[in-house]
Amino acid sequence: MKQTKASRPSAMSRNRLKFLRLAEKRVNKVAKQLQLIGNLSNRTNYSYDEAEVEKIFSYIEACVQSSRERFQSSDNGPTGAFSLTKD
């Protein structure tokens, strides 16, 4: 049986439902992977130095920042003060 236009969810609500479904799935997946990375801290099973730990978390933080920036609206315009002498 075909749905009538009145009974179909709007594109906006379909997109919202898709966002919610995928966001929950992906965030839970990332959280699980971060827990597994945390398991690497067990010095009984693994050998590492602090520089390696810093490199791991610097990379993760850069990835998080990049993702966060993609959510920022580009319609807000420049955030800093304009200056001809500053680059």
C-alpha atoms as a PDB file:
ATOM      1  CA  MET A   1       0.000   0.000   0.000  1.00  0.00           C
ATOM      2  CA  LYS A   2       1.364   3.408  -0.996  1.00  0.00           C
ATOM      3  CA  GLN A   3       1.612   6.166   1.550  1.00  0.00           C
ATOM      4  CA  THR A   4      -0.189   9.360   0.735  1.00  0.00           C
ATOM      5  CA  LYS A   5       1.681  12.647   0.845  1.00  0.00           C
ATOM      6  CA  ALA A   6      -0.058  13.520   4.084  1.00  0.00           C
ATOM      7  CA  SER A   7       1.108  10.323   5.805  1.00  0.00           C
ATOM      8  CA  ARG A   8       4.756  10.481   4.633  1.00  0.00           C
ATOM      9  CA  PRO A   9       7.283  12.063   6.955  1.00  0.00           C
ATOM     10  CA  SER A  10       8.584  15.330   5.605  1.00  0.00           C
ATOM     11  CA  ALA A  11      12.050  15.427   4.123  1.00  0.00           C
ATOM     12  CA  MET A  12      13.164  17.430   7.127  1.00  0.00           C
ATOM     13  CA  SER A  13      11.910  14.844   9.607  1.00  0.00           C
ATOM     14  CA  ARG A  14      13.381  12.006   7.511  1.00  0.00           C
ATOM     15  CA  ASN A  15      16.718  13.802   7.501  1.00  0.00           C
ATOM     16  CA  ARG A  16      16.431  14.425  11.248  1.00  0.00           C
ATOM     17  CA  LEU A  17      15.655  10.772  11.945  1.00  0.00           C
ATOM     18  CA  LYS A  18      18.549   9.678   9.733  1.00  0.00           C
ATOM     19  CA  PHE A  19      20.891  12.093  11.535  1.00  0.00           C
ATOM     20  CA  LEU A  20      19.818  10.805  14.960  1.00  0.00           C
ATOM     21  CA  ARG A  21      20.179   7.168  13.951  1.00  0.00           C
ATOM     22  CA  LEU A  22      23.602   7.604  12.368  1.00  0.00           C
ATOM     23  CA  ALA A  23      24.942   9.998  15.008  1.00  0.00           C
ATOM     24  CA  GLU A  24      24.113   7.596  17.847  1.00  0.00           C
ATOM     25  CA  LYS A  25      25.630   4.657  15.990  1.00  0.00           C
ATOM     26  CA  ARG A  26      28.813   6.502  15.029  1.00  0.00           C
ATOM     27  CA  VAL A  27      29.369   8.179  18.406  1.00  0.00           C
ATOM     28  CA  ASN A  28      28.955   4.852  20.206  1.00  0.00           C
ATOM     29  CA  LYS A  29      31.412   3.268  17.776  1.00  0.00           C
ATOM     30  CA  VAL A  30      33.995   6.016  18.414  1.00  0.00           C
ATOM     31  CA  ALA A  31      33.493   5.718  22.190  1.00  0.00           C
ATOM     32  CA  LYS A  32      34.139   1.971  22.021  1.00  0.00           C
ATOM     33  CA  GLN A  33      37.297   2.496  19.963  1.00  0.00           C
ATOM     34  CA  LEU A  34      38.543   5.107  22.471  1.00  0.00           C
ATOM     35  CA  GLN A  35      38.000   2.605  25.284  1.00  0.00           C
ATOM     36  CA  LEU A  36      40.087   0.097  23.336  1.00  0.00           C
ATOM     37  CA  ILE A  37      42.842   2.691  22.894  1.00  0.00           C
ATOM     38  CA  GLY A  38      42.686   3.243  26.658  1.00  0.00           C
ATOM     39  CA  ASN A  39      43.306  -0.470  27.136  1.00  0.00           C
ATOM     40  CA  LEU A  40      46.723   0.086  25.561  1.00  0.00           C
ATOM     41  CA  SER A  41      47.747   1.915  28.755  1.00  0.00           C
ATOM     42  CA  ASN A  42      48.223  -1.428  30.539  1.00  0.00           C
ATOM     43  CA  ARG A  43      52.011  -1.575  30.955  1.00  0.00           C
ATOM     44  CA  THR A  44      51.822  -5.273  31.829  1.00  0.00           C
ATOM     45  CA  ASN A  45      50.805  -6.032  28.248  1.00  0.00           C
ATOM     46  CA  TYR A  46      52.258  -3.110  26.265  1.00  0.00           C
ATOM     47  CA  SER A  47      55.438  -1.066  26.108  1.00  0.00           C
ATOM     48  CA  TYR A  48      55.268   2.592  25.055  1.00  0.00           C
ATOM     49  CA  ASP A  49      56.757   5.968  25.873  1.00  0.00           C
ATOM     50  CA  GLU A  50      55.089   9.279  26.647  1.00  0.00           C
ATOM     51  CA  ALA A  51      55.982  10.730  23.234  1.00  0.00           C
ATOM     52  CA  GLU A  52      53.948   7.980  21.569  1.00  0.00           C
ATOM     53  CA  VAL A  53      50.994   8.652  23.870  1.00  0.00           C
ATOM     54  CA  GLU A  54      51.196  12.371  23.078  1.00  0.00           C
ATOM     55  CA  LYS A  55      51.307  11.635  19.352  1.00  0.00           C
ATOM     56  CA  ILE A  56      48.217   9.402  19.586  1.00  0.00           C
ATOM     57  CA  PHE A  57      46.138  11.925  21.500  1.00  0.00           C
ATOM     58  CA  SER A  58      47.320  14.911  19.456  1.00  0.00           C
ATOM     59  CA  TYR A  59      46.111  13.143  16.336  1.00  0.00           C
ATOM     60  CA  ILE A  60      42.766  12.207  17.921  1.00  0.00           C
ATOM     61  CA  GLU A  61      42.245  15.774  19.141  1.00  0.00           C
ATOM     62  CA  ALA A  62      43.047  17.154  15.660  1.00  0.00           C
ATOM     63  CA  CYS A  63      40.483  14.787  14.147  1.00  0.00           C
ATOM     64  CA  VAL A  64      37.851  15.850  16.687  1.00  0.00           C
ATOM     65  CA  GLN A  65      38.580  19.529  16.018  1.00  0.00           C
ATOM     66  CA  SER A  66      38.297  18.997  12.271  1.00  0.00           C
ATOM     67  CA  SER A  67      34.921  17.288  12.698  1.00  0.00           C
ATOM     68  CA  ARG A  68      33.694  20.013  15.050  1.00  0.00           C
ATOM     69  CA  GLU A  69      34.643  22.717  12.532  1.00  0.00           C
ATOM     70  CA  ARG A  70      32.525  21.016   9.880  1.00  0.00           C
ATOM     71  CA  PHE A  71      29.468  21.611  12.087  1.00  0.00           C
ATOM     72  CA  GLN A  72      30.172  25.337  12.429  1.00  0.00           C
ATOM     73  CA  SER A  73      27.996  27.496  10.235  1.00  0.00           C
ATOM     74  CA  SER A  74      29.874  29.366   7.550  1.00  0.00           C
ATOM     75  CA  ASP A  75      27.084  31.959   7.465  1.00  0.00           C
ATOM     76  CA  ASN A  76      28.426  33.726  10.561  1.00  0.00           C
ATOM     77  CA  GLY A  77      31.055  35.615   8.592  1.00  0.00           C
ATOM     78  CA  PRO A  78      34.501  36.509   9.862  1.00  0.00           C
ATOM     79  CA  THR A  79      35.059  36.096  13.590  1.00  0.00           C
ATOM     80  CA  GLY A  80      38.216  38.194  13.964  1.00  0.00           C
ATOM     81  CA  ALA A  81      38.723  41.902  13.485  1.00  0.00           C
ATOM     82  CA  PHE A  82      39.641  43.057   9.995  1.00  0.00           C
ATOM     83  CA  SER A  83      43.107  44.490   9.473  1.00  0.00           C
ATOM     84  CA  LEU A  84      45.085  45.262   6.339  1.00  0.00           C
ATOM     85  CA  THR A  85      48.396  44.894   8.150  1.00  0.00           C
ATOM     86  CA  LYS A  86      47.746  41.494   9.710  1.00  0.00           C
ATOM     87  CA  ASP A  87      47.854  38.241   7.751  1.00  0.00           C
END
